[in-house]
Amino acid sequence: MTALAEQLITQLDELSPQERAEIALHLIRRLDEVEIDEGYDEAWAAELDRRMEEVTSGKVQGIPADEAIARIRLLIS
């Protein structure tokens, strides 16, 4: 990571959660300008299949959405 990127991250940590969310959304939207590697869709489809198999086989257990959201809020606050 470049020094500039590290500096930006430090500054971002000083922002409110709302400001960080707005910046994150902006950055995600800018990713549309990035050329995606060939095979991207197939790789994601395989990953989704793998994860679904883990859930249906009982290897992994999901959690309710409200609990997941509460955990995320704790992490970003």
N, C-alpha and C. Protein backbone atom coordinates (compact mmCIF):
# COMPACT_ATOMS: atom_id res chain seq x y z
N MET A 1 0.85 -1.17 0.00
CA MET A 1 0.00 0.00 0.00
C MET A 1 0.89 1.23 0.00
N THR A 2 0.49 2.21 -0.77
CA THR A 2 1.29 3.43 -0.86
C THR A 2 1.10 4.29 0.39
N ALA A 3 2.03 5.22 0.56
CA ALA A 3 1.94 6.15 1.70
C ALA A 3 0.67 6.99 1.60
N LEU A 4 0.30 7.37 0.39
CA LEU A 4 -0.91 8.15 0.21
C LEU A 4 -2.14 7.36 0.65
N ALA A 5 -2.21 6.10 0.25
CA ALA A 5 -3.33 5.25 0.63
C ALA A 5 -3.41 5.10 2.16
N GLU A 6 -2.27 4.90 2.79
CA GLU A 6 -2.24 4.79 4.25
C GLU A 6 -2.71 6.08 4.91
N GLN A 7 -2.31 7.21 4.36
CA GLN A 7 -2.72 8.50 4.88
C GLN A 7 -4.23 8.68 4.73
N LEU A 8 -4.75 8.30 3.59
CA LEU A 8 -6.20 8.40 3.36
C LEU A 8 -6.98 7.53 4.35
N ILE A 9 -6.50 6.34 4.58
CA ILE A 9 -7.17 5.44 5.52
C ILE A 9 -7.19 6.04 6.91
N THR A 10 -6.08 6.62 7.32
CA THR A 10 -6.02 7.27 8.63
C THR A 10 -7.05 8.40 8.71
N GLN A 11 -7.14 9.19 7.67
CA GLN A 11 -8.10 10.29 7.65
C GLN A 11 -9.54 9.77 7.61
N LEU A 12 -9.77 8.70 6.87
CA LEU A 12 -11.11 8.13 6.79
C LEU A 12 -11.58 7.62 8.15
N ASP A 13 -10.67 7.10 8.94
CA ASP A 13 -11.03 6.61 10.27
C ASP A 13 -11.54 7.72 11.17
N GLU A 14 -11.23 8.96 10.84
CA GLU A 14 -11.67 10.09 11.66
C GLU A 14 -13.07 10.57 11.28
N LEU A 15 -13.62 10.07 10.18
CA LEU A 15 -14.93 10.49 9.72
C LEU A 15 -16.04 9.73 10.45
N SER A 16 -17.24 10.27 10.36
CA SER A 16 -18.40 9.60 10.95
C SER A 16 -18.73 8.36 10.12
N PRO A 17 -19.46 7.42 10.70
CA PRO A 17 -19.87 6.25 9.92
C PRO A 17 -20.64 6.62 8.66
N GLN A 18 -21.49 7.63 8.73
CA GLN A 18 -22.26 8.07 7.56
C GLN A 18 -21.34 8.59 6.46
N GLU A 19 -20.34 9.38 6.84
CA GLU A 19 -19.40 9.92 5.84
C GLU A 19 -18.60 8.79 5.21
N ARG A 20 -18.17 7.82 6.03
CA ARG A 20 -17.41 6.68 5.49
C ARG A 20 -18.28 5.88 4.53
N ALA A 21 -19.56 5.71 4.87
CA ALA A 21 -20.47 4.96 4.01
C ALA A 21 -20.64 5.66 2.66
N GLU A 22 -20.76 6.99 2.69
CA GLU A 22 -20.91 7.74 1.44
C GLU A 22 -19.66 7.62 0.57
N ILE A 23 -18.51 7.66 1.20
CA ILE A 23 -17.26 7.52 0.44
C ILE A 23 -17.14 6.10 -0.11
N ALA A 24 -17.51 5.11 0.69
CA ALA A 24 -17.46 3.72 0.24
C ALA A 24 -18.36 3.52 -0.98
N LEU A 25 -19.56 4.08 -0.93
CA LEU A 25 -20.47 3.98 -2.06
C LEU A 25 -19.88 4.64 -3.30
N HIS A 26 -19.27 5.79 -3.12
CA HIS A 26 -18.62 6.47 -4.24
C HIS A 26 -17.54 5.58 -4.85
N LEU A 27 -16.72 4.98 -4.01
CA LEU A 27 -15.63 4.14 -4.51
C LEU A 27 -16.17 2.90 -5.22
N ILE A 28 -17.22 2.32 -4.67
CA ILE A 28 -17.82 1.14 -5.30
C ILE A 28 -18.36 1.50 -6.68
N ARG A 29 -19.01 2.63 -6.76
CA ARG A 29 -19.53 3.06 -8.08
C ARG A 29 -18.40 3.29 -9.08
N ARG A 30 -17.26 3.76 -8.62
CA ARG A 30 -16.11 3.98 -9.50
C ARG A 30 -15.53 2.67 -10.00
N LEU A 31 -15.79 1.57 -9.28
CA LEU A 31 -15.29 0.28 -9.73
C LEU A 31 -15.90 -0.14 -11.06
N ASP A 32 -17.06 0.43 -11.39
CA ASP A 32 -17.67 0.13 -12.68
C ASP A 32 -16.75 0.52 -13.83
N GLU A 33 -15.82 1.42 -13.58
CA GLU A 33 -14.89 1.87 -14.62
C GLU A 33 -13.71 0.91 -14.78
N VAL A 34 -13.57 -0.03 -13.85
CA VAL A 34 -12.44 -0.96 -13.88
C VAL A 34 -12.82 -2.16 -14.73
N GLU A 35 -11.92 -2.53 -15.61
CA GLU A 35 -12.16 -3.70 -16.45
C GLU A 35 -12.02 -4.96 -15.60
N ILE A 36 -13.03 -5.80 -15.66
CA ILE A 36 -13.05 -7.02 -14.85
C ILE A 36 -12.38 -8.14 -15.62
N ASP A 37 -11.61 -8.95 -14.88
CA ASP A 37 -10.91 -10.07 -15.49
C ASP A 37 -11.89 -11.04 -16.16
N GLU A 38 -11.43 -11.62 -17.24
CA GLU A 38 -12.22 -12.65 -17.90
C GLU A 38 -12.37 -13.81 -16.93
N GLY A 39 -13.53 -14.40 -16.88
CA GLY A 39 -13.77 -15.51 -15.97
C GLY A 39 -14.34 -15.08 -14.63
N TYR A 40 -14.53 -13.78 -14.45
CA TYR A 40 -15.04 -13.24 -13.20
C TYR A 40 -16.41 -13.83 -12.86
N ASP A 41 -17.34 -13.78 -13.80
CA ASP A 41 -18.69 -14.28 -13.54
C ASP A 41 -18.68 -15.76 -13.18
N GLU A 42 -17.89 -16.52 -13.90
CA GLU A 42 -17.82 -17.96 -13.64
C GLU A 42 -17.22 -18.23 -12.27
N ALA A 43 -16.23 -17.47 -11.89
CA ALA A 43 -15.60 -17.65 -10.58
C ALA A 43 -16.58 -17.33 -9.46
N TRP A 44 -17.35 -16.25 -9.62
CA TRP A 44 -18.35 -15.91 -8.60
C TRP A 44 -19.45 -16.95 -8.55
N ALA A 45 -19.87 -17.47 -9.68
CA ALA A 45 -20.91 -18.50 -9.70
C ALA A 45 -20.42 -19.74 -8.96
N ALA A 46 -19.17 -20.12 -9.18
CA ALA A 46 -18.60 -21.28 -8.48
C ALA A 46 -18.53 -21.02 -6.98
N GLU A 47 -18.15 -19.81 -6.59
CA GLU A 47 -18.08 -19.46 -5.17
C GLU A 47 -19.46 -19.50 -4.52
N LEU A 48 -20.46 -18.97 -5.22
CA LEU A 48 -21.83 -19.01 -4.69
C LEU A 48 -22.33 -20.44 -4.56
N ASP A 49 -22.02 -21.27 -5.52
CA ASP A 49 -22.39 -22.69 -5.44
C ASP A 49 -21.73 -23.35 -4.23
N ARG A 50 -20.45 -23.06 -4.02
CA ARG A 50 -19.72 -23.64 -2.89
C ARG A 50 -20.34 -23.22 -1.57
N ARG A 51 -20.65 -21.92 -1.45
CA ARG A 51 -21.24 -21.42 -0.21
C ARG A 51 -22.63 -22.01 0.03
N MET A 52 -23.41 -22.11 -1.02
CA MET A 52 -24.75 -22.69 -0.88
C MET A 52 -24.66 -24.15 -0.44
N GLU A 53 -23.71 -24.87 -0.98
CA GLU A 53 -23.51 -26.27 -0.58
C GLU A 53 -23.14 -26.36 0.90
N GLU A 54 -22.30 -25.45 1.38
CA GLU A 54 -21.93 -25.45 2.80
C GLU A 54 -23.15 -25.22 3.68
N VAL A 55 -24.04 -24.35 3.25
CA VAL A 55 -25.24 -24.06 4.05
C VAL A 55 -26.20 -25.25 4.00
N THR A 56 -26.47 -25.76 2.81
CA THR A 56 -27.45 -26.85 2.68
C THR A 56 -26.95 -28.14 3.32
N SER A 57 -25.64 -28.35 3.36
CA SER A 57 -25.10 -29.56 3.98
C SER A 57 -25.01 -29.45 5.50
N GLY A 58 -25.20 -28.22 6.02
CA GLY A 58 -25.11 -28.02 7.47
C GLY A 58 -23.71 -27.71 7.95
N LYS A 59 -22.75 -27.67 7.05
CA LYS A 59 -21.37 -27.36 7.43
C LYS A 59 -21.27 -25.94 7.99
N VAL A 60 -22.07 -25.03 7.43
CA VAL A 60 -22.10 -23.64 7.86
C VAL A 60 -23.54 -23.30 8.20
N GLN A 61 -23.72 -22.54 9.28
CA GLN A 61 -25.06 -22.13 9.67
C GLN A 61 -25.17 -20.62 9.57
N GLY A 62 -26.23 -20.15 8.95
CA GLY A 62 -26.45 -18.72 8.82
C GLY A 62 -26.94 -18.10 10.11
N ILE A 63 -26.98 -16.78 10.13
CA ILE A 63 -27.54 -16.05 11.27
C ILE A 63 -28.62 -15.11 10.74
N PRO A 64 -29.57 -14.74 11.60
CA PRO A 64 -30.62 -13.82 11.16
C PRO A 64 -30.03 -12.50 10.68
N ALA A 65 -30.69 -11.89 9.71
CA ALA A 65 -30.21 -10.63 9.14
C ALA A 65 -30.06 -9.55 10.19
N ASP A 66 -31.01 -9.45 11.13
CA ASP A 66 -30.92 -8.39 12.14
C ASP A 66 -29.69 -8.57 13.03
N GLU A 67 -29.31 -9.81 13.29
CA GLU A 67 -28.09 -10.06 14.06
C GLU A 67 -26.84 -9.69 13.25
N ALA A 68 -26.84 -10.04 11.97
CA ALA A 68 -25.70 -9.69 11.11
C ALA A 68 -25.54 -8.18 11.01
N ILE A 69 -26.65 -7.48 10.85
CA ILE A 69 -26.60 -6.02 10.76
C ILE A 69 -26.10 -5.41 12.06
N ALA A 70 -26.56 -5.96 13.19
CA ALA A 70 -26.10 -5.45 14.50
C ALA A 70 -24.60 -5.64 14.64
N ARG A 71 -24.07 -6.79 14.21
CA ARG A 71 -22.63 -7.03 14.27
C ARG A 71 -21.86 -6.04 13.40
N ILE A 72 -22.38 -5.78 12.21
CA ILE A 72 -21.72 -4.84 11.30
C ILE A 72 -21.71 -3.44 11.91
N ARG A 73 -22.84 -3.05 12.50
CA ARG A 73 -22.91 -1.72 13.12
C ARG A 73 -21.88 -1.58 14.24
N LEU A 74 -21.68 -2.65 15.01
CA LEU A 74 -20.67 -2.60 16.07
C LEU A 74 -19.27 -2.41 15.49
N LEU A 75 -19.02 -3.07 14.37
CA LEU A 75 -17.71 -2.98 13.74
C LEU A 75 -17.41 -1.59 13.18
N ILE A 76 -18.44 -0.92 12.66
CA ILE A 76 -18.19 0.37 12.00
C ILE A 76 -18.37 1.57 12.92
N SER A 77 -18.81 1.32 14.14
CA SER A 77 -19.02 2.47 15.03
C SER A 77 -17.81 2.75 15.88
